[in-house]
Protein backbone atom coordinates (compact mmCIF):
# COMPACT_ATOMS: atom_id res chain seq x y z
CA UNK A 1 -28.79 16.80 20.80
CA UNK A 2 -27.58 13.31 19.91
CA UNK A 3 -24.67 12.67 17.65
CA UNK A 4 -25.07 9.66 15.39
CA UNK A 5 -22.07 8.11 13.71
CA UNK A 6 -22.55 8.17 9.98
CA UNK A 7 -20.98 5.39 7.99
CA UNK A 8 -18.93 6.65 5.07
CA UNK A 9 -20.15 5.49 1.66
CA UNK A 10 -18.38 2.18 1.03
CA UNK A 11 -16.95 1.03 -2.28
CA UNK A 12 -17.85 4.22 -4.12
CA UNK A 13 -16.03 4.23 -7.43
CA UNK A 14 -14.74 7.42 -9.02
CA UNK A 15 -13.57 7.76 -12.59
CA UNK A 16 -9.90 6.79 -12.84
CA UNK A 17 -9.42 9.35 -15.62
CA UNK A 18 -11.45 12.08 -17.33
CA UNK A 19 -13.34 11.07 -20.45
CA UNK A 20 -16.57 9.43 -21.55
CA UNK A 21 -18.36 6.82 -19.40
CA UNK A 22 -19.34 3.54 -21.07
CA UNK A 23 -21.48 0.80 -19.51
CA UNK A 24 -19.48 -2.45 -19.54
CA UNK A 25 -21.91 -3.93 -22.08
CA UNK A 26 -20.81 -1.26 -24.62
CA UNK A 27 -17.10 -2.14 -24.50
CA UNK A 28 -15.93 -3.46 -27.89
CA UNK A 29 -14.19 -6.51 -26.37
CA UNK A 30 -16.80 -9.31 -25.98
CA UNK A 31 -15.04 -10.85 -22.98
CA UNK A 32 -15.53 -7.63 -21.01
CA UNK A 33 -18.92 -6.74 -22.57
CA UNK A 34 -20.37 -10.14 -21.64
CA UNK A 35 -19.18 -9.64 -18.02
CA UNK A 36 -17.10 -12.84 -18.24
CA UNK A 37 -14.33 -10.98 -16.38
CA UNK A 38 -16.76 -9.22 -14.03
CA UNK A 39 -19.25 -6.41 -13.66
CA UNK A 40 -18.20 -2.78 -14.02
CA UNK A 41 -17.72 0.01 -16.54
CA UNK A 42 -15.21 1.68 -18.84
CA UNK A 43 -13.98 5.18 -19.50
CA UNK A 44 -12.89 6.29 -22.95
CA UNK A 45 -10.13 8.61 -21.72
CA UNK A 46 -9.19 12.12 -22.72
CA UNK A 47 -5.96 11.32 -24.53
CA UNK A 48 -4.28 14.48 -23.25
CA UNK A 49 -4.41 13.12 -19.67
CA UNK A 50 -1.53 10.71 -19.17
CA UNK A 51 -2.13 9.69 -15.55
CA UNK A 52 -4.70 7.12 -14.42
CA UNK A 53 -5.75 7.10 -10.76
CA UNK A 54 -7.13 4.24 -8.72
CA UNK A 55 -10.93 4.62 -8.46
CA UNK A 56 -11.29 3.35 -4.85
CA UNK A 57 -9.44 3.05 -1.55
CA UNK A 58 -7.69 -0.25 -1.01
CA UNK A 59 -4.48 -2.13 -1.60
CA UNK A 60 -2.69 -3.05 -4.84
CA UNK A 61 -2.62 -6.85 -4.98
CA UNK A 62 -0.88 -7.38 -8.33
CA UNK A 63 0.55 -5.68 -11.36
CA UNK A 64 0.57 -7.70 -14.56
CA UNK A 65 4.12 -8.19 -15.95
CA UNK A 66 3.07 -6.42 -19.17
CA UNK A 67 1.72 -3.49 -17.08
CA UNK A 68 -1.56 -3.47 -19.05
CA UNK A 69 -3.63 -4.30 -15.94
CA UNK A 70 -3.53 -4.05 -12.17
CA UNK A 71 -5.69 -5.48 -9.35
CA UNK A 72 -6.77 -4.02 -6.04
CA UNK A 73 -8.58 -5.34 -3.02
CA UNK A 74 -11.00 -3.16 -1.05
CA UNK A 75 -11.28 -3.71 2.72
CA UNK A 76 -14.57 -5.64 2.41
CA UNK A 77 -12.93 -8.17 0.06
CA UNK A 78 -14.09 -6.69 -3.26
CA UNK A 79 -11.46 -7.33 -5.91
CA UNK A 80 -11.15 -4.71 -8.64
CA UNK A 81 -9.32 -5.06 -11.96
CA UNK A 82 -8.20 -2.02 -13.93
CA UNK A 83 -7.38 -2.87 -17.54
CA UNK A 84 -5.68 -0.25 -19.73
CA UNK A 85 -6.86 -0.44 -23.33
CA UNK A 86 -7.95 -3.50 -25.30
CA UNK A 87 -5.46 -6.10 -26.52
CA UNK A 88 -2.65 -4.00 -25.03
CA UNK A 89 -0.93 -7.07 -23.57
CA UNK A 90 0.66 -7.30 -27.06
CA UNK A 91 2.59 -4.09 -26.36
CA UNK A 92 4.70 -5.73 -23.62
CA UNK A 93 4.34 -2.79 -21.23
CA UNK A 94 5.92 -0.19 -23.52
CA UNK A 95 3.20 2.51 -23.16
CA UNK A 96 2.81 2.08 -19.38
CA UNK A 97 4.90 3.50 -16.53
CA UNK A 98 3.77 2.10 -13.16
CA UNK A 99 3.64 4.66 -10.35
CA UNK A 100 2.66 2.15 -7.61
CA UNK A 101 3.87 -1.25 -6.47
CA UNK A 102 2.25 -4.45 -5.21
CA UNK A 103 0.99 -4.32 -1.59
CA UNK A 104 0.84 -0.51 -1.66
CA UNK A 105 -2.21 1.12 -0.05
CA UNK A 106 -3.96 3.49 -2.46
CA UNK A 107 -6.98 5.78 -2.71
CA UNK A 108 -8.72 7.67 -5.48
CA UNK A 109 -6.09 10.42 -5.41
CA UNK A 110 -3.16 8.00 -5.85
CA UNK A 111 -1.53 8.22 -9.29
CA UNK A 112 -1.43 4.65 -10.55
CA UNK A 113 0.07 4.56 -14.02
CA UNK A 114 1.26 6.99 -16.66
CA UNK A 115 0.14 6.04 -20.17
CA UNK A 116 1.54 7.12 -23.51
CA UNK A 117 -1.80 7.03 -25.35
CA UNK A 118 -0.14 7.82 -28.67
CA UNK A 119 1.63 4.43 -28.56
CA UNK A 120 -1.78 2.72 -28.22
CA UNK A 121 -3.21 4.80 -31.08
CA UNK A 122 -0.17 4.07 -33.28
CA UNK A 123 -0.57 0.33 -32.54
CA UNK A 124 -4.28 0.61 -33.43
CA UNK A 125 -5.36 -0.43 -29.91
CA UNK A 126 -8.53 0.85 -28.28
CA UNK A 127 -7.80 3.13 -25.31
CA UNK A 128 -10.71 2.31 -22.96
CA UNK A 129 -9.83 2.09 -19.27
CA UNK A 130 -11.90 -0.81 -17.94
CA UNK A 131 -12.87 -1.19 -14.26
CA UNK A 132 -14.43 -4.54 -13.28
CA UNK A 133 -14.91 -6.84 -10.31
CA UNK A 134 -15.37 -10.61 -10.58
CA UNK A 135 -16.67 -11.00 -7.02
CA UNK A 136 -19.05 -8.02 -6.87
CA UNK A 137 -21.95 -6.42 -8.68
CA UNK A 138 -21.79 -2.87 -9.97
CA UNK A 139 -24.50 -0.23 -9.74
CA UNK A 140 -23.99 2.94 -11.74
CA UNK A 141 -24.92 6.54 -10.93
CA UNK A 142 -24.35 7.50 -14.56
CA UNK A 143 -26.79 8.52 -17.26
CA UNK A 144 -25.75 7.59 -20.81
CA UNK A 145 -26.82 11.05 -22.04
CA UNK A 146 -24.66 12.87 -19.47
CA UNK A 147 -21.65 10.63 -19.83
CA UNK A 148 -18.71 13.07 -19.65
CA UNK A 149 -16.72 12.49 -16.47
CA UNK A 150 -13.76 13.97 -14.65
CA UNK A 151 -11.45 12.11 -12.32
CA UNK A 152 -13.56 13.19 -9.33
CA UNK A 153 -16.89 11.98 -10.77
CA UNK A 154 -18.54 9.26 -8.67
CA UNK A 155 -19.44 6.56 -11.20
CA UNK A 156 -21.21 4.08 -8.91
CA UNK A 157 -20.60 1.39 -6.33
CA UNK A 158 -19.42 -2.22 -6.13
CA UNK A 159 -21.35 -4.55 -3.79
CA UNK A 160 -19.57 -7.72 -2.72
CA UNK A 161 -21.46 -10.82 -3.86
CA UNK A 162 -22.80 -12.90 -0.98
């Protein structure tokens, strides 16, 4: 019997936190909804889960000084942005405790950031965790009717633009 090497699924994206899946077009911020920042999705998180995990395997390329967003590069060159909440840059990093550093290799079981969701709620900021890529397209596995996800749920896949 022949053994064939099977290529592992590349750029599969898991939910960074448990919650409700939202197509990027349904995000309340028009910049994200219009895909001006890139293609992707959002998760409206369960507010009792404080830790957000990276949704793919790769390397942290930058952490915004206000800790409201972080970028990662996947081995094929896909660049992924995780954005925590909407208009949270105004909070100057207060609700976010970074658990990783720039140039760190990560995977979907790496704790990325701890979030005090109550600070976002008190500041009247939306809590959506947004996952987008400016240099890739996103294809979703999700059904809007069955949109509850856990951290392990495979959401879809990024494909590097040619």
